[in-house]
Amino acid sequence: MEVINHAIKRRSHVPMIVLRLFTIAILLFNMSIMMDDMSDFWGMFVFATLVIGVLLCMVMILAYLYQASKRATGLQLYPDSLCINSRTMRAEDIKVILTEGYFKPVIGILPQGRKLTPVDMVFRFSEDEDNGIADLKEWAQRNQVKMVNKTIKTWI
């Protein structure tokens, strides 16, 4: 069997960035209300908690932007392994292949012994999605790797 190549893209983080910006707006609004009530310990405690929340949201936005800036190289399907972003995985090292969505589906490859999908193992096909999904399903069936439609959970 020959090697099958597909061009891939990283998952879009735009919805999560918008959600974090909305969260920051709410936290900043609450901080503006709390500015008047910082006379006691609990007022300062709540204000500090809001500041920490804003900082955490900003760190998450920076992590999303960093992930978006990294280029996805491609997916190569070999007879008994696959290579994604220059990382080779044997079929027996893959617990399950997750697909999420119908239009422009996102694919996640969950390794054995992991509960969260590594961020660099989540992608979508940049062109000819139908053939890419079909080739991946055929490869998974041939190598006895389970492929399911399920939400992909990553740490970020």
C-alpha atoms as a PDB file:
ATOM      1  CA  MET A   1       0.000   0.000   0.000  1.00  0.00           C
ATOM      2  CA  GLU A   2       1.152   3.507  -0.729  1.00  0.00           C
ATOM      3  CA  VAL A   3       1.360   6.504   1.555  1.00  0.00           C
ATOM      4  CA  ILE A   4      -1.722   8.753   1.492  1.00  0.00           C
ATOM      5  CA  ASN A   5      -1.115  12.479   2.085  1.00  0.00           C
ATOM      6  CA  HIS A   6      -3.672  15.095   3.095  1.00  0.00           C
ATOM      7  CA  ALA A   7      -3.295  18.805   3.785  1.00  0.00           C
ATOM      8  CA  ILE A   8      -4.619  19.795   7.205  1.00  0.00           C
ATOM      9  CA  LYS A   9      -5.337  22.916   9.259  1.00  0.00           C
ATOM     10  CA  ARG A  10      -5.437  23.518  12.974  1.00  0.00           C
ATOM     11  CA  ARG A  11      -8.751  23.821  14.769  1.00  0.00           C
ATOM     12  CA  SER A  12     -10.179  27.326  14.830  1.00  0.00           C
ATOM     13  CA  HIS A  13     -10.055  28.949  18.268  1.00  0.00           C
ATOM     14  CA  VAL A  14     -12.119  32.011  17.317  1.00  0.00           C
ATOM     15  CA  PRO A  15     -15.236  30.969  19.314  1.00  0.00           C
ATOM     16  CA  MET A  16     -13.152  30.364  22.444  1.00  0.00           C
ATOM     17  CA  ILE A  17     -11.328  33.688  22.045  1.00  0.00           C
ATOM     18  CA  VAL A  18     -14.669  35.510  21.729  1.00  0.00           C
ATOM     19  CA  LEU A  19     -15.967  33.675  24.815  1.00  0.00           C
ATOM     20  CA  ARG A  20     -12.873  34.635  26.831  1.00  0.00           C
ATOM     21  CA  LEU A  21     -13.178  38.288  25.715  1.00  0.00           C
ATOM     22  CA  PHE A  22     -16.819  38.257  26.832  1.00  0.00           C
ATOM     23  CA  THR A  23     -15.733  36.780  30.174  1.00  0.00           C
ATOM     24  CA  ILE A  24     -13.083  39.493  30.563  1.00  0.00           C
ATOM     25  CA  ALA A  25     -15.711  42.170  29.845  1.00  0.00           C
ATOM     26  CA  ILE A  26     -17.983  40.766  32.564  1.00  0.00           C
ATOM     27  CA  LEU A  27     -15.100  40.541  35.045  1.00  0.00           C
ATOM     28  CA  LEU A  28     -13.999  44.122  34.289  1.00  0.00           C
ATOM     29  CA  PHE A  29     -17.559  45.334  34.775  1.00  0.00           C
ATOM     30  CA  ASN A  30     -17.686  43.576  38.153  1.00  0.00           C
ATOM     31  CA  MET A  31     -14.293  45.066  39.044  1.00  0.00           C
ATOM     32  CA  SER A  32     -15.607  48.571  38.322  1.00  0.00           C
ATOM     33  CA  ILE A  33     -18.526  47.925  40.688  1.00  0.00           C
ATOM     34  CA  MET A  34     -16.197  46.525  43.374  1.00  0.00           C
ATOM     35  CA  MET A  35     -13.912  49.593  43.300  1.00  0.00           C
ATOM     36  CA  ASP A  36     -16.300  51.368  45.676  1.00  0.00           C
ATOM     37  CA  ASP A  37     -16.459  48.494  48.168  1.00  0.00           C
ATOM     38  CA  MET A  38     -12.823  47.708  48.959  1.00  0.00           C
ATOM     39  CA  SER A  39     -12.897  48.975  52.536  1.00  0.00           C
ATOM     40  CA  ASP A  40     -13.013  45.553  54.197  1.00  0.00           C
ATOM     41  CA  PHE A  41     -11.203  42.236  53.728  1.00  0.00           C
ATOM     42  CA  TRP A  42     -13.945  40.553  51.696  1.00  0.00           C
ATOM     43  CA  GLY A  43     -14.182  43.451  49.269  1.00  0.00           C
ATOM     44  CA  MET A  44     -10.438  43.262  48.605  1.00  0.00           C
ATOM     45  CA  PHE A  45     -10.626  39.458  48.379  1.00  0.00           C
ATOM     46  CA  VAL A  46     -13.378  39.575  45.733  1.00  0.00           C
ATOM     47  CA  PHE A  47     -11.514  42.270  43.805  1.00  0.00           C
ATOM     48  CA  ALA A  48      -8.293  40.191  43.850  1.00  0.00           C
ATOM     49  CA  THR A  49     -10.255  37.156  42.659  1.00  0.00           C
ATOM     50  CA  LEU A  50     -11.631  39.176  39.745  1.00  0.00           C
ATOM     51  CA  VAL A  51      -8.130  40.358  38.830  1.00  0.00           C
ATOM     52  CA  ILE A  52      -6.889  36.753  38.857  1.00  0.00           C
ATOM     53  CA  GLY A  53      -9.834  35.758  36.619  1.00  0.00           C
ATOM     54  CA  VAL A  54      -8.958  38.472  34.102  1.00  0.00           C
ATOM     55  CA  LEU A  55      -5.308  37.406  34.092  1.00  0.00           C
ATOM     56  CA  LEU A  56      -6.222  33.744  33.570  1.00  0.00           C
ATOM     57  CA  CYS A  57      -8.492  34.644  30.647  1.00  0.00           C
ATOM     58  CA  MET A  58      -5.697  36.693  29.087  1.00  0.00           C
ATOM     59  CA  VAL A  59      -3.263  33.795  29.455  1.00  0.00           C
ATOM     60  CA  MET A  60      -5.781  31.493  27.778  1.00  0.00           C
ATOM     61  CA  ILE A  61      -6.230  33.940  24.896  1.00  0.00           C
ATOM     62  CA  LEU A  62      -2.453  34.071  24.443  1.00  0.00           C
ATOM     63  CA  ALA A  63      -2.329  30.258  24.416  1.00  0.00           C
ATOM     64  CA  TYR A  64      -5.084  30.169  21.756  1.00  0.00           C
ATOM     65  CA  LEU A  65      -3.195  32.698  19.639  1.00  0.00           C
ATOM     66  CA  TYR A  66       0.039  30.716  20.018  1.00  0.00           C
ATOM     67  CA  GLN A  67      -1.701  27.530  18.885  1.00  0.00           C
ATOM     68  CA  ALA A  68      -3.239  29.354  15.942  1.00  0.00           C
ATOM     69  CA  SER A  69       0.154  30.695  14.881  1.00  0.00           C
ATOM     70  CA  LYS A  70       1.675  27.210  14.614  1.00  0.00           C
ATOM     71  CA  ARG A  71       1.352  25.741  11.124  1.00  0.00           C
ATOM     72  CA  ALA A  72      -0.022  22.280  10.569  1.00  0.00           C
ATOM     73  CA  THR A  73       2.154  20.356   8.125  1.00  0.00           C
ATOM     74  CA  GLY A  74       0.030  17.470   6.973  1.00  0.00           C
ATOM     75  CA  LEU A  75      -1.348  14.018   7.586  1.00  0.00           C
ATOM     76  CA  GLN A  76       0.312  10.946   6.105  1.00  0.00           C
ATOM     77  CA  LEU A  77      -1.382   7.575   6.370  1.00  0.00           C
ATOM     78  CA  TYR A  78       1.032   4.626   6.248  1.00  0.00           C
ATOM     79  CA  PRO A  79      -0.109   0.972   6.266  1.00  0.00           C
ATOM     80  CA  ASP A  80       0.347   0.544  10.053  1.00  0.00           C
ATOM     81  CA  SER A  81       0.891   4.093  11.330  1.00  0.00           C
ATOM     82  CA  LEU A  82       0.034   7.701  10.699  1.00  0.00           C
ATOM     83  CA  CYS A  83       2.112  10.853  10.808  1.00  0.00           C
ATOM     84  CA  ILE A  84       0.563  14.159  11.821  1.00  0.00           C
ATOM     85  CA  ASN A  85       2.627  17.341  12.168  1.00  0.00           C
ATOM     86  CA  SER A  86       5.875  15.297  11.970  1.00  0.00           C
ATOM     87  CA  ARG A  87       4.742  13.048  14.841  1.00  0.00           C
ATOM     88  CA  THR A  88       4.366   9.367  13.965  1.00  0.00           C
ATOM     89  CA  MET A  89       1.918   7.149  15.834  1.00  0.00           C
ATOM     90  CA  ARG A  90       1.464   3.422  15.373  1.00  0.00           C
ATOM     91  CA  ALA A  91      -2.090   2.115  15.115  1.00  0.00           C
ATOM     92  CA  GLU A  92      -1.803   0.196  18.404  1.00  0.00           C
ATOM     93  CA  ASP A  93      -0.839   3.420  20.213  1.00  0.00           C
ATOM     94  CA  ILE A  94      -4.136   5.072  19.232  1.00  0.00           C
ATOM     95  CA  LYS A  95      -7.089   4.570  21.567  1.00  0.00           C
ATOM     96  CA  VAL A  96      -9.739   6.242  19.396  1.00  0.00           C
ATOM     97  CA  ILE A  97     -10.116   8.719  16.551  1.00  0.00           C
ATOM     98  CA  LEU A  98     -12.721  11.362  17.388  1.00  0.00           C
ATOM     99  CA  THR A  99     -14.692  13.398  14.862  1.00  0.00           C
ATOM    100  CA  GLU A 100     -16.622  16.491  15.856  1.00  0.00           C
ATOM    101  CA  GLY A 101     -19.048  18.330  13.625  1.00  0.00           C
ATOM    102  CA  TYR A 102     -20.583  17.686  10.239  1.00  0.00           C
ATOM    103  CA  PHE A 103     -19.680  20.729   8.153  1.00  0.00           C
ATOM    104  CA  LYS A 104     -15.911  21.177   8.304  1.00  0.00           C
ATOM    105  CA  PRO A 105     -15.443  18.336  10.803  1.00  0.00           C
ATOM    106  CA  VAL A 106     -12.625  18.460  13.333  1.00  0.00           C
ATOM    107  CA  ILE A 107     -10.604  15.286  13.898  1.00  0.00           C
ATOM    108  CA  GLY A 108      -8.839  14.387  17.152  1.00  0.00           C
ATOM    109  CA  ILE A 109      -6.499  11.448  17.695  1.00  0.00           C
ATOM    110  CA  LEU A 110      -6.573  10.219  21.295  1.00  0.00           C
ATOM    111  CA  PRO A 111      -3.475   8.172  22.278  1.00  0.00           C
ATOM    112  CA  GLN A 112      -3.650   5.148  24.576  1.00  0.00           C
ATOM    113  CA  GLY A 113      -3.613   6.030  28.272  1.00  0.00           C
ATOM    114  CA  ARG A 114      -4.760   9.638  27.768  1.00  0.00           C
ATOM    115  CA  LYS A 115      -8.084  11.224  28.703  1.00  0.00           C
ATOM    116  CA  LEU A 116      -7.512  14.516  26.887  1.00  0.00           C
ATOM    117  CA  THR A 117      -6.568  14.794  23.248  1.00  0.00           C
ATOM    118  CA  PRO A 118      -3.197  16.526  22.724  1.00  0.00           C
ATOM    119  CA  VAL A 119      -3.668  19.913  21.059  1.00  0.00           C
ATOM    120  CA  ASP A 120      -1.237  19.057  18.269  1.00  0.00           C
ATOM    121  CA  MET A 121      -3.330  15.967  17.411  1.00  0.00           C
ATOM    122  CA  VAL A 122      -6.477  17.978  16.632  1.00  0.00           C
ATOM    123  CA  PHE A 123      -6.972  19.123  13.050  1.00  0.00           C
ATOM    124  CA  ARG A 124      -9.341  19.469  10.143  1.00  0.00           C
ATOM    125  CA  PHE A 125      -8.777  18.803   6.479  1.00  0.00           C
ATOM    126  CA  SER A 126      -7.995  21.977   4.542  1.00  0.00           C
ATOM    127  CA  GLU A 127      -9.166  20.638   1.214  1.00  0.00           C
ATOM    128  CA  ASP A 128     -11.276  17.708   0.025  1.00  0.00           C
ATOM    129  CA  GLU A 129     -12.671  16.833   3.456  1.00  0.00           C
ATOM    130  CA  ASP A 130     -14.842  13.984   2.167  1.00  0.00           C
ATOM    131  CA  ASN A 131     -11.896  12.050   0.707  1.00  0.00           C
ATOM    132  CA  GLY A 132      -9.811  12.770   3.806  1.00  0.00           C
ATOM    133  CA  ILE A 133     -12.485  11.411   6.138  1.00  0.00           C
ATOM    134  CA  ALA A 134     -13.043   8.397   3.883  1.00  0.00           C
ATOM    135  CA  ASP A 135      -9.308   7.590   3.778  1.00  0.00           C
ATOM    136  CA  LEU A 136      -9.029   7.990   7.550  1.00  0.00           C
ATOM    137  CA  LYS A 137     -12.065   5.734   8.139  1.00  0.00           C
ATOM    138  CA  GLU A 138     -10.624   3.104   5.810  1.00  0.00           C
ATOM    139  CA  TRP A 139      -7.242   3.293   7.561  1.00  0.00           C
ATOM    140  CA  ALA A 140      -8.911   3.030  10.995  1.00  0.00           C
ATOM    141  CA  GLN A 141     -11.009   0.036   9.942  1.00  0.00           C
ATOM    142  CA  ARG A 142      -7.993  -1.747   8.438  1.00  0.00           C
ATOM    143  CA  ASN A 143      -5.955  -1.190  11.637  1.00  0.00           C
ATOM    144  CA  GLN A 144      -8.824  -1.909  14.093  1.00  0.00           C
ATOM    145  CA  VAL A 145      -8.830   1.631  15.493  1.00  0.00           C
ATOM    146  CA  LYS A 146     -12.195   2.822  16.748  1.00  0.00           C
ATOM    147  CA  MET A 147     -13.528   5.992  15.099  1.00  0.00           C
ATOM    148  CA  VAL A 148     -16.436   7.773  16.819  1.00  0.00           C
ATOM    149  CA  ASN A 149     -18.411  11.010  16.536  1.00  0.00           C
ATOM    150  CA  LYS A 150     -17.805  12.660  19.887  1.00  0.00           C
ATOM    151  CA  THR A 151     -16.747  15.978  21.386  1.00  0.00           C
ATOM    152  CA  ILE A 152     -12.985  16.461  21.368  1.00  0.00           C
ATOM    153  CA  LYS A 153     -11.654  17.484  24.789  1.00  0.00           C
ATOM    154  CA  THR A 154      -8.293  19.242  24.995  1.00  0.00           C
ATOM    155  CA  TRP A 155      -6.652  21.070  27.864  1.00  0.00           C
ATOM    156  CA  ILE A 156      -6.986  24.370  26.050  1.00  0.00           C
END
